[in-house]
Structure formats: C-alpha cells, structure tokens
Amino acid sequence: NYFNFYLVPIIPVAFYRISDERSLIKKIIAGIATIILILAVIFTFSRGGMIGLAVVLLLLALNSRRKLLSFFVLGIIFTLFLANMPDYFRERLEKTEIELKEESTYSSTYRRLLLIKAGWRMFLDKPLTGVGIGNFYWTVGKYAPVFPGYAHNMYIEVAAELGLVGI
C-alpha cells in the first residue's frame, strides 16, 4: 500500500511529459515510464492502489486534449486488466464488503477499519501534537481491540502521530 502512495502521484507527471517533450525519443521514454508505473501499481494488487490508479487515469482522460482517444485507451487498459486479473485478487475484491460486515479481526478489511478508527481516536485524543512520530504502531492497542499495525492510510497515520502540527 505504501508503495502505491508513491507510485500513483507520479503517473500524471510521467504522462504529461509525453505531451510536453519536443524530442521524439524523450516522448517515447516518458510513454514507457508511464506504462511501467501503471503496471507497477497493477502488480501490487492493492485495492487502494487500484482505486487511486482508476481515479488518476480517469482524471487524465478527462483533462486530455484528445478525450475520445484517451477514453479508448483507458477502456483497453481496464478491459485487459479485468480479463487477466488473477482469481485470488478478484475474490479479494468481492470479499471486501462481506469482510466489513463480519467484524472479525481476522479479516484484513475489518482490521484495517479498526486501525483507521483507532488512528482517528488518537488524533482526537491529542489533536495538536499527536502521539509522537513512529508511535502509531505501538499505541494503536490503547484505542482499538486490535494487534499492533499501521493505519494503511497515510493521512490518518500522520494526523495520529503528528497532530495538526504535522499536518
């Protein structure tokens, strides 16, 4: 998940380098970089990464000068992804809603929900300075009945650890 936090925002930069470059070789390099970044996000098989990728690609298509071509390429990307998606990832996507309803700390989705709620409680408990940098993992048990872990949400984790000062 953290890998996707870094990958997804770079995709528009690489994409816009294609149109901004004058040199054909630099345009090709930017195109290859864009494809590599998109594939890297896809091969993480992160649910959050996929949502971020879908939003970024949709925004890029909406802001494109050639909207029809952009949506055509976007359709091809999504079709190829859906056709080649591994069964375990498809099952994981389908189980997300069920896992949230189970309220079992064994399901990764519900556990992450507990971690995010705990992070929000940490922030509300110490809104100015937070619980301290790097302390989310060690403090989460005081705020939710869950084993130590990370929030899987950069904004909640920063808010919980550093408070308003860090944000």
N, C-alpha and C. Protein backbone atom coordinates (compact mmCIF):
# COMPACT_ATOMS: atom_id res chain seq x y z
N ASN A 1 0.82 -1.20 0.00
CA ASN A 1 0.00 0.00 0.00
C ASN A 1 0.86 1.26 0.00
N TYR A 2 1.90 1.27 0.82
CA TYR A 2 2.75 2.46 0.85
C TYR A 2 3.46 2.67 -0.48
N PHE A 3 3.80 1.59 -1.14
CA PHE A 3 4.44 1.69 -2.45
C PHE A 3 3.52 2.46 -3.41
N ASN A 4 2.22 2.18 -3.33
CA ASN A 4 1.26 2.88 -4.20
C ASN A 4 1.13 4.35 -3.87
N PHE A 5 1.33 4.72 -2.59
CA PHE A 5 1.29 6.14 -2.23
C PHE A 5 2.33 6.93 -3.01
N TYR A 6 3.42 6.28 -3.36
CA TYR A 6 4.48 6.95 -4.11
C TYR A 6 4.29 6.82 -5.61
N LEU A 7 3.77 5.69 -6.04
CA LEU A 7 3.62 5.44 -7.48
C LEU A 7 2.51 6.25 -8.13
N VAL A 8 1.32 6.23 -7.54
CA VAL A 8 0.14 6.83 -8.18
C VAL A 8 0.33 8.32 -8.48
N PRO A 9 0.87 9.13 -7.57
CA PRO A 9 1.04 10.56 -7.91
C PRO A 9 2.06 10.83 -9.01
N ILE A 10 2.96 9.88 -9.27
CA ILE A 10 3.97 10.09 -10.30
C ILE A 10 3.41 9.84 -11.70
N ILE A 11 2.36 9.05 -11.79
CA ILE A 11 1.79 8.71 -13.10
C ILE A 11 1.41 9.95 -13.92
N PRO A 12 0.69 10.94 -13.35
CA PRO A 12 0.38 12.13 -14.16
C PRO A 12 1.61 12.89 -14.63
N VAL A 13 2.65 12.91 -13.80
CA VAL A 13 3.89 13.59 -14.19
C VAL A 13 4.49 12.91 -15.42
N ALA A 14 4.59 11.60 -15.36
CA ALA A 14 5.15 10.85 -16.50
C ALA A 14 4.26 11.01 -17.72
N PHE A 15 2.95 10.97 -17.52
CA PHE A 15 2.00 11.10 -18.63
C PHE A 15 2.13 12.47 -19.31
N TYR A 16 2.19 13.52 -18.51
CA TYR A 16 2.28 14.86 -19.10
C TYR A 16 3.64 15.13 -19.74
N ARG A 17 4.65 14.38 -19.35
CA ARG A 17 5.96 14.51 -20.02
C ARG A 17 5.84 14.09 -21.48
N ILE A 18 4.92 13.17 -21.77
CA ILE A 18 4.73 12.72 -23.16
C ILE A 18 4.33 13.90 -24.04
N SER A 19 3.38 14.69 -23.60
CA SER A 19 2.90 15.82 -24.43
C SER A 19 3.82 17.03 -24.34
N ASP A 20 4.54 17.19 -23.24
CA ASP A 20 5.38 18.38 -23.07
C ASP A 20 6.73 18.29 -23.78
N GLU A 21 7.21 17.08 -23.98
CA GLU A 21 8.53 16.91 -24.61
C GLU A 21 8.46 17.20 -26.11
N ARG A 22 9.51 17.79 -26.62
CA ARG A 22 9.60 18.06 -28.06
C ARG A 22 10.32 16.93 -28.80
N SER A 23 11.26 16.33 -28.13
CA SER A 23 12.04 15.25 -28.72
C SER A 23 11.23 13.95 -28.74
N LEU A 24 11.24 13.28 -29.88
CA LEU A 24 10.52 12.01 -30.02
C LEU A 24 11.06 10.96 -29.07
N ILE A 25 12.36 10.92 -28.90
CA ILE A 25 12.97 9.93 -28.00
C ILE A 25 12.52 10.17 -26.56
N LYS A 26 12.46 11.43 -26.14
CA LYS A 26 12.00 11.73 -24.78
C LYS A 26 10.52 11.41 -24.62
N LYS A 27 9.73 11.62 -25.68
CA LYS A 27 8.31 11.25 -25.63
C LYS A 27 8.16 9.74 -25.45
N ILE A 28 8.97 8.98 -26.17
CA ILE A 28 8.92 7.51 -26.06
C ILE A 28 9.33 7.06 -24.67
N ILE A 29 10.38 7.67 -24.14
CA ILE A 29 10.84 7.33 -22.78
C ILE A 29 9.74 7.65 -21.76
N ALA A 30 9.11 8.80 -21.91
CA ALA A 30 8.02 9.18 -20.99
C ALA A 30 6.85 8.20 -21.12
N GLY A 31 6.55 7.77 -22.34
CA GLY A 31 5.48 6.80 -22.55
C GLY A 31 5.79 5.47 -21.89
N ILE A 32 7.02 5.02 -22.06
CA ILE A 32 7.44 3.75 -21.44
C ILE A 32 7.39 3.88 -19.91
N ALA A 33 7.84 5.02 -19.39
CA ALA A 33 7.79 5.24 -17.93
C ALA A 33 6.35 5.22 -17.43
N THR A 34 5.44 5.82 -18.18
CA THR A 34 4.02 5.82 -17.79
C THR A 34 3.48 4.40 -17.75
N ILE A 35 3.79 3.62 -18.75
CA ILE A 35 3.32 2.23 -18.80
C ILE A 35 3.91 1.42 -17.65
N ILE A 36 5.18 1.60 -17.38
CA ILE A 36 5.83 0.87 -16.28
C ILE A 36 5.19 1.24 -14.94
N LEU A 37 4.91 2.52 -14.73
CA LEU A 37 4.28 2.95 -13.48
C LEU A 37 2.89 2.35 -13.32
N ILE A 38 2.10 2.36 -14.40
CA ILE A 38 0.76 1.79 -14.34
C ILE A 38 0.83 0.29 -14.04
N LEU A 39 1.74 -0.41 -14.71
CA LEU A 39 1.90 -1.84 -14.46
C LEU A 39 2.38 -2.12 -13.04
N ALA A 40 3.25 -1.27 -12.53
CA ALA A 40 3.74 -1.45 -11.16
C ALA A 40 2.59 -1.34 -10.16
N VAL A 41 1.70 -0.38 -10.36
CA VAL A 41 0.53 -0.26 -9.47
C VAL A 41 -0.36 -1.49 -9.60
N ILE A 42 -0.60 -1.90 -10.83
CA ILE A 42 -1.46 -3.07 -11.05
C ILE A 42 -0.88 -4.31 -10.38
N PHE A 43 0.43 -4.53 -10.50
CA PHE A 43 1.03 -5.75 -9.97
C PHE A 43 1.24 -5.73 -8.46
N THR A 44 0.91 -4.62 -7.79
CA THR A 44 0.90 -4.65 -6.33
C THR A 44 -0.36 -5.33 -5.82
N PHE A 45 -1.40 -5.38 -6.66
CA PHE A 45 -2.69 -5.97 -6.30
C PHE A 45 -3.23 -5.37 -5.01
N SER A 46 -3.03 -4.08 -4.85
CA SER A 46 -3.56 -3.36 -3.70
C SER A 46 -4.92 -2.77 -4.08
N ARG A 47 -5.92 -3.02 -3.26
CA ARG A 47 -7.25 -2.48 -3.54
C ARG A 47 -7.23 -0.96 -3.56
N GLY A 48 -6.57 -0.36 -2.59
CA GLY A 48 -6.46 1.09 -2.56
C GLY A 48 -5.68 1.64 -3.73
N GLY A 49 -4.62 0.92 -4.11
CA GLY A 49 -3.83 1.33 -5.26
C GLY A 49 -4.64 1.30 -6.54
N MET A 50 -5.50 0.30 -6.67
CA MET A 50 -6.34 0.20 -7.87
C MET A 50 -7.34 1.35 -7.93
N ILE A 51 -7.90 1.71 -6.78
CA ILE A 51 -8.84 2.84 -6.75
C ILE A 51 -8.10 4.11 -7.12
N GLY A 52 -6.92 4.32 -6.54
CA GLY A 52 -6.12 5.50 -6.87
C GLY A 52 -5.75 5.55 -8.34
N LEU A 53 -5.35 4.41 -8.88
CA LEU A 53 -4.99 4.34 -10.30
C LEU A 53 -6.19 4.66 -11.18
N ALA A 54 -7.36 4.10 -10.84
CA ALA A 54 -8.56 4.35 -11.63
C ALA A 54 -8.92 5.83 -11.62
N VAL A 55 -8.83 6.47 -10.46
CA VAL A 55 -9.14 7.90 -10.36
C VAL A 55 -8.15 8.73 -11.16
N VAL A 56 -6.87 8.43 -11.02
CA VAL A 56 -5.84 9.18 -11.76
C VAL A 56 -6.03 9.03 -13.27
N LEU A 57 -6.25 7.81 -13.72
CA LEU A 57 -6.42 7.58 -15.16
C LEU A 57 -7.69 8.25 -15.68
N LEU A 58 -8.75 8.23 -14.89
CA LEU A 58 -9.99 8.90 -15.29
C LEU A 58 -9.79 10.41 -15.37
N LEU A 59 -9.10 10.99 -14.40
CA LEU A 59 -8.82 12.43 -14.43
C LEU A 59 -7.91 12.81 -15.60
N LEU A 60 -6.93 11.96 -15.89
CA LEU A 60 -6.06 12.22 -17.03
C LEU A 60 -6.87 12.20 -18.33
N ALA A 61 -7.78 11.25 -18.45
CA ALA A 61 -8.62 11.17 -19.66
C ALA A 61 -9.54 12.39 -19.77
N LEU A 62 -10.10 12.81 -18.64
CA LEU A 62 -10.99 13.97 -18.65
C LEU A 62 -10.26 15.27 -19.00
N ASN A 63 -9.00 15.37 -18.62
CA ASN A 63 -8.22 16.58 -18.87
C ASN A 63 -7.43 16.51 -20.18
N SER A 64 -7.55 15.43 -20.88
CA SER A 64 -6.80 15.24 -22.11
C SER A 64 -7.37 16.10 -23.25
N ARG A 65 -6.49 16.48 -24.15
CA ARG A 65 -6.92 17.22 -25.35
C ARG A 65 -7.66 16.28 -26.30
N ARG A 66 -7.28 15.02 -26.29
CA ARG A 66 -7.90 14.01 -27.16
C ARG A 66 -8.72 13.06 -26.29
N LYS A 67 -9.86 13.54 -25.83
CA LYS A 67 -10.68 12.76 -24.90
C LYS A 67 -11.13 11.42 -25.47
N LEU A 68 -11.55 11.40 -26.71
CA LEU A 68 -12.03 10.16 -27.30
C LEU A 68 -10.93 9.10 -27.32
N LEU A 69 -9.75 9.49 -27.77
CA LEU A 69 -8.62 8.56 -27.79
C LEU A 69 -8.25 8.14 -26.36
N SER A 70 -8.26 9.09 -25.43
CA SER A 70 -7.91 8.78 -24.04
C SER A 70 -8.86 7.77 -23.43
N PHE A 71 -10.15 7.97 -23.64
CA PHE A 71 -11.12 7.02 -23.09
C PHE A 71 -11.04 5.67 -23.79
N PHE A 72 -10.69 5.66 -25.05
CA PHE A 72 -10.50 4.41 -25.77
C PHE A 72 -9.33 3.63 -25.16
N VAL A 73 -8.20 4.30 -24.95
CA VAL A 73 -7.02 3.67 -24.34
C VAL A 73 -7.34 3.22 -22.92
N LEU A 74 -8.05 4.06 -22.19
CA LEU A 74 -8.45 3.72 -20.82
C LEU A 74 -9.33 2.48 -20.80
N GLY A 75 -10.25 2.40 -21.75
CA GLY A 75 -11.11 1.22 -21.87
C GLY A 75 -10.31 -0.04 -22.16
N ILE A 76 -9.30 0.08 -23.02
CA ILE A 76 -8.44 -1.06 -23.33
C ILE A 76 -7.68 -1.51 -22.08
N ILE A 77 -7.14 -0.54 -21.33
CA ILE A 77 -6.40 -0.87 -20.10
C ILE A 77 -7.29 -1.61 -19.12
N PHE A 78 -8.49 -1.08 -18.87
CA PHE A 78 -9.40 -1.72 -17.91
C PHE A 78 -9.86 -3.09 -18.40
N THR A 79 -10.12 -3.21 -19.69
CA THR A 79 -10.54 -4.50 -20.25
C THR A 79 -9.43 -5.54 -20.10
N LEU A 80 -8.20 -5.15 -20.43
CA LEU A 80 -7.07 -6.08 -20.28
C LEU A 80 -6.88 -6.48 -18.82
N PHE A 81 -7.03 -5.50 -17.94
CA PHE A 81 -6.86 -5.80 -16.52
C PHE A 81 -7.94 -6.77 -16.04
N LEU A 82 -9.19 -6.47 -16.36
CA LEU A 82 -10.28 -7.33 -15.90
C LEU A 82 -10.19 -8.74 -16.49
N ALA A 83 -9.77 -8.82 -17.74
CA ALA A 83 -9.66 -10.13 -18.40
C ALA A 83 -8.51 -10.96 -17.83
N ASN A 84 -7.48 -10.31 -17.32
CA ASN A 84 -6.29 -11.02 -16.85
C ASN A 84 -6.11 -10.96 -15.33
N MET A 85 -7.10 -10.47 -14.63
CA MET A 85 -6.99 -10.34 -13.18
C MET A 85 -6.92 -11.73 -12.55
N PRO A 86 -5.96 -11.96 -11.67
CA PRO A 86 -5.86 -13.27 -11.01
C PRO A 86 -7.12 -13.54 -10.16
N ASP A 87 -7.48 -14.81 -10.07
CA ASP A 87 -8.68 -15.19 -9.32
C ASP A 87 -8.62 -14.75 -7.87
N TYR A 88 -7.44 -14.88 -7.23
CA TYR A 88 -7.35 -14.52 -5.82
C TYR A 88 -7.59 -13.03 -5.60
N PHE A 89 -7.21 -12.19 -6.56
CA PHE A 89 -7.47 -10.77 -6.40
C PHE A 89 -8.95 -10.46 -6.64
N ARG A 90 -9.55 -11.11 -7.61
CA ARG A 90 -10.98 -10.93 -7.87
C ARG A 90 -11.79 -11.34 -6.62
N GLU A 91 -11.43 -12.49 -6.03
CA GLU A 91 -12.10 -12.94 -4.81
C GLU A 91 -11.90 -11.96 -3.67
N ARG A 92 -10.72 -11.40 -3.57
CA ARG A 92 -10.43 -10.44 -2.51
C ARG A 92 -11.29 -9.19 -2.67
N LEU A 93 -11.47 -8.73 -3.91
CA LEU A 93 -12.32 -7.58 -4.17
C LEU A 93 -13.77 -7.88 -3.80
N GLU A 94 -14.22 -9.08 -4.15
CA GLU A 94 -15.60 -9.47 -3.86
C GLU A 94 -15.85 -9.64 -2.37
N LYS A 95 -14.84 -10.05 -1.62
CA LYS A 95 -14.99 -10.28 -0.19
C LYS A 95 -14.92 -9.00 0.64
N THR A 96 -14.50 -7.89 0.05
CA THR A 96 -14.30 -6.66 0.82
C THR A 96 -15.55 -6.26 1.58
N GLU A 97 -16.70 -6.22 0.92
CA GLU A 97 -17.94 -5.82 1.59
C GLU A 97 -18.33 -6.83 2.67
N ILE A 98 -18.16 -8.11 2.37
CA ILE A 98 -18.50 -9.16 3.33
C ILE A 98 -17.62 -9.04 4.56
N GLU A 99 -16.32 -8.80 4.36
CA GLU A 99 -15.38 -8.71 5.47
C GLU A 99 -15.72 -7.55 6.39
N LEU A 100 -16.21 -6.45 5.84
CA LEU A 100 -16.58 -5.31 6.68
C LEU A 100 -17.76 -5.63 7.58
N LYS A 101 -18.64 -6.50 7.13
CA LYS A 101 -19.82 -6.86 7.91
C LYS A 101 -19.53 -7.94 8.95
N GLU A 102 -18.47 -8.72 8.74
CA GLU A 102 -18.16 -9.84 9.64
C GLU A 102 -17.70 -9.40 11.02
N GLU A 103 -17.07 -8.27 11.12
CA GLU A 103 -16.49 -7.78 12.38
C GLU A 103 -15.58 -8.83 13.00
N SER A 104 -14.73 -9.38 12.19
CA SER A 104 -13.75 -10.36 12.64
C SER A 104 -12.37 -9.75 12.46
N THR A 105 -11.60 -9.72 13.53
CA THR A 105 -10.27 -9.13 13.42
C THR A 105 -9.36 -9.96 12.54
N TYR A 106 -9.84 -11.14 12.09
CA TYR A 106 -9.04 -11.95 11.18
C TYR A 106 -9.16 -11.48 9.74
N SER A 107 -10.23 -10.76 9.42
CA SER A 107 -10.36 -10.26 8.05
C SER A 107 -9.53 -8.98 7.92
N SER A 108 -8.75 -8.90 6.87
CA SER A 108 -7.85 -7.75 6.71
C SER A 108 -8.63 -6.45 6.54
N THR A 109 -9.79 -6.51 5.89
CA THR A 109 -10.56 -5.29 5.68
C THR A 109 -11.08 -4.74 7.00
N TYR A 110 -11.65 -5.60 7.82
CA TYR A 110 -12.18 -5.13 9.10
C TYR A 110 -11.05 -4.67 10.02
N ARG A 111 -9.93 -5.38 9.99
CA ARG A 111 -8.78 -4.98 10.81
C ARG A 111 -8.30 -3.59 10.41
N ARG A 112 -8.25 -3.33 9.11
CA ARG A 112 -7.81 -2.01 8.65
C ARG A 112 -8.80 -0.94 9.05
N LEU A 113 -10.08 -1.27 9.04
CA LEU A 113 -11.09 -0.32 9.50
C LEU A 113 -10.87 0.01 10.97
N LEU A 114 -10.58 -1.01 11.79
CA LEU A 114 -10.29 -0.77 13.20
C LEU A 114 -9.04 0.11 13.38
N LEU A 115 -8.02 -0.15 12.57
CA LEU A 115 -6.79 0.64 12.66
C LEU A 115 -7.05 2.10 12.30
N ILE A 116 -7.86 2.33 11.27
CA ILE A 116 -8.18 3.71 10.88
C ILE A 116 -9.00 4.41 11.96
N LYS A 117 -9.98 3.70 12.53
CA LYS A 117 -10.78 4.28 13.62
C LYS A 117 -9.90 4.61 14.83
N ALA A 118 -8.95 3.71 15.12
CA ALA A 118 -8.04 3.95 16.24
C ALA A 118 -7.18 5.18 15.96
N GLY A 119 -6.72 5.31 14.72
CA GLY A 119 -5.94 6.49 14.35
C GLY A 119 -6.72 7.78 14.52
N TRP A 120 -7.99 7.73 14.14
CA TRP A 120 -8.84 8.92 14.30
C TRP A 120 -9.02 9.24 15.79
N ARG A 121 -9.18 8.20 16.61
CA ARG A 121 -9.32 8.42 18.06
C ARG A 121 -8.02 9.00 18.64
N MET A 122 -6.88 8.51 18.14
CA MET A 122 -5.59 9.07 18.59
C MET A 122 -5.52 10.55 18.28
N PHE A 123 -5.91 10.90 17.05
CA PHE A 123 -5.89 12.30 16.65
C PHE A 123 -6.81 13.13 17.54
N LEU A 124 -8.01 12.65 17.79
CA LEU A 124 -8.95 13.39 18.63
C LEU A 124 -8.46 13.51 20.08
N ASP A 125 -7.73 12.49 20.52
CA ASP A 125 -7.19 12.50 21.88
C ASP A 125 -6.07 13.53 22.03
N LYS A 126 -5.21 13.63 21.02
CA LYS A 126 -4.08 14.59 21.06
C LYS A 126 -4.02 15.33 19.73
N PRO A 127 -4.99 16.23 19.49
CA PRO A 127 -5.10 16.86 18.17
C PRO A 127 -3.96 17.80 17.81
N LEU A 128 -3.29 18.39 18.76
CA LEU A 128 -2.24 19.35 18.42
C LEU A 128 -0.92 18.69 18.06
N THR A 129 -0.48 17.76 18.90
CA THR A 129 0.85 17.18 18.68
C THR A 129 0.84 15.71 18.32
N GLY A 130 -0.29 15.03 18.47
CA GLY A 130 -0.35 13.61 18.16
C GLY A 130 0.35 12.76 19.20
N VAL A 131 0.46 11.49 18.94
CA VAL A 131 1.07 10.55 19.90
C VAL A 131 2.58 10.43 19.71
N GLY A 132 3.12 11.12 18.74
CA GLY A 132 4.56 11.09 18.50
C GLY A 132 4.90 10.29 17.26
N ILE A 133 5.93 10.75 16.58
CA ILE A 133 6.32 10.12 15.32
C ILE A 133 6.76 8.67 15.56
N GLY A 134 6.22 7.79 14.75
CA GLY A 134 6.56 6.38 14.85
C GLY A 134 5.82 5.63 15.95
N ASN A 135 4.91 6.29 16.66
CA ASN A 135 4.24 5.65 17.79
C ASN A 135 2.87 5.07 17.45
N PHE A 136 2.39 5.25 16.23
CA PHE A 136 1.08 4.70 15.86
C PHE A 136 1.04 3.20 16.13
N TYR A 137 2.03 2.50 15.63
CA TYR A 137 2.10 1.04 15.74
C TYR A 137 2.01 0.60 17.20
N TRP A 138 2.73 1.30 18.08
CA TRP A 138 2.83 0.88 19.47
C TRP A 138 1.65 1.35 20.31
N THR A 139 0.93 2.35 19.85
CA THR A 139 -0.14 2.96 20.62
C THR A 139 -1.52 2.47 20.21
N VAL A 140 -1.66 1.88 19.05
CA VAL A 140 -2.97 1.54 18.49
C VAL A 140 -3.79 0.64 19.40
N GLY A 141 -3.17 -0.23 20.15
CA GLY A 141 -3.88 -1.14 21.05
C GLY A 141 -4.64 -0.43 22.15
N LYS A 142 -4.24 0.77 22.50
CA LYS A 142 -4.95 1.55 23.53
C LYS A 142 -6.26 2.14 23.00
N TYR A 143 -6.37 2.21 21.68
CA TYR A 143 -7.52 2.87 21.07
C TYR A 143 -8.47 1.92 20.34
N ALA A 144 -8.07 0.68 20.15
CA ALA A 144 -8.93 -0.30 19.48
C ALA A 144 -8.48 -1.70 19.86
N PRO A 145 -9.42 -2.65 19.88
CA PRO A 145 -9.06 -4.04 20.21
C PRO A 145 -8.44 -4.75 19.01
N VAL A 146 -7.20 -4.37 18.71
CA VAL A 146 -6.54 -4.91 17.52
C VAL A 146 -5.05 -5.04 17.81
N PHE A 147 -4.43 -6.02 17.16
CA PHE A 147 -2.98 -6.18 17.30
C PHE A 147 -2.30 -4.97 16.67
N PRO A 148 -1.07 -4.65 17.12
CA PRO A 148 -0.37 -3.50 16.53
C PRO A 148 -0.26 -3.60 15.02
N GLY A 149 -0.32 -2.46 14.39
CA GLY A 149 -0.23 -2.40 12.94
C GLY A 149 -0.18 -0.96 12.48
N TYR A 150 -0.11 -0.78 11.19
CA TYR A 150 -0.09 0.55 10.61
C TYR A 150 -1.47 0.86 10.05
N ALA A 151 -1.79 2.13 9.91
CA ALA A 151 -3.14 2.56 9.54
C ALA A 151 -3.53 2.20 8.11
N HIS A 152 -2.58 1.99 7.24
CA HIS A 152 -2.86 1.79 5.81
C HIS A 152 -3.54 3.02 5.23
N ASN A 153 -3.36 4.14 5.88
CA ASN A 153 -3.90 5.41 5.41
C ASN A 153 -2.92 6.48 5.88
N MET A 154 -2.18 7.03 4.96
CA MET A 154 -1.11 7.95 5.30
C MET A 154 -1.63 9.17 6.06
N TYR A 155 -2.78 9.69 5.66
CA TYR A 155 -3.30 10.90 6.28
C TYR A 155 -3.72 10.66 7.72
N ILE A 156 -4.39 9.54 7.97
CA ILE A 156 -4.79 9.20 9.34
C ILE A 156 -3.56 8.96 10.21
N GLU A 157 -2.58 8.26 9.65
CA GLU A 157 -1.39 7.94 10.43
C GLU A 157 -0.59 9.21 10.78
N VAL A 158 -0.44 10.12 9.82
CA VAL A 158 0.26 11.38 10.09
C VAL A 158 -0.51 12.21 11.09
N ALA A 159 -1.83 12.28 10.94
CA ALA A 159 -2.64 13.04 11.89
C ALA A 159 -2.54 12.46 13.30
N ALA A 160 -2.57 11.13 13.41
CA ALA A 160 -2.48 10.48 14.71
C ALA A 160 -1.10 10.68 15.35
N GLU A 161 -0.05 10.57 14.56
CA GLU A 161 1.30 10.67 15.11
C GLU A 161 1.76 12.11 15.34
N LEU A 162 1.38 13.01 14.43
CA LEU A 162 1.93 14.37 14.49
C LEU A 162 0.90 15.46 14.76
N GLY A 163 -0.37 15.12 14.78
CA GLY A 163 -1.41 16.09 15.07
C GLY A 163 -1.49 17.19 14.01
N LEU A 164 -2.14 18.27 14.40
CA LEU A 164 -2.29 19.41 13.48
C LEU A 164 -0.95 20.03 13.10
N VAL A 165 -0.01 19.96 14.02
CA VAL A 165 1.33 20.50 13.74
C VAL A 165 1.95 19.76 12.56
N GLY A 166 1.83 18.45 12.52
CA GLY A 166 2.40 17.64 11.44
C GLY A 166 1.64 17.75 10.14
N ILE A 167 0.35 17.92 10.24
CA ILE A 167 -0.46 18.03 9.03
C ILE A 167 -0.18 19.35 8.36
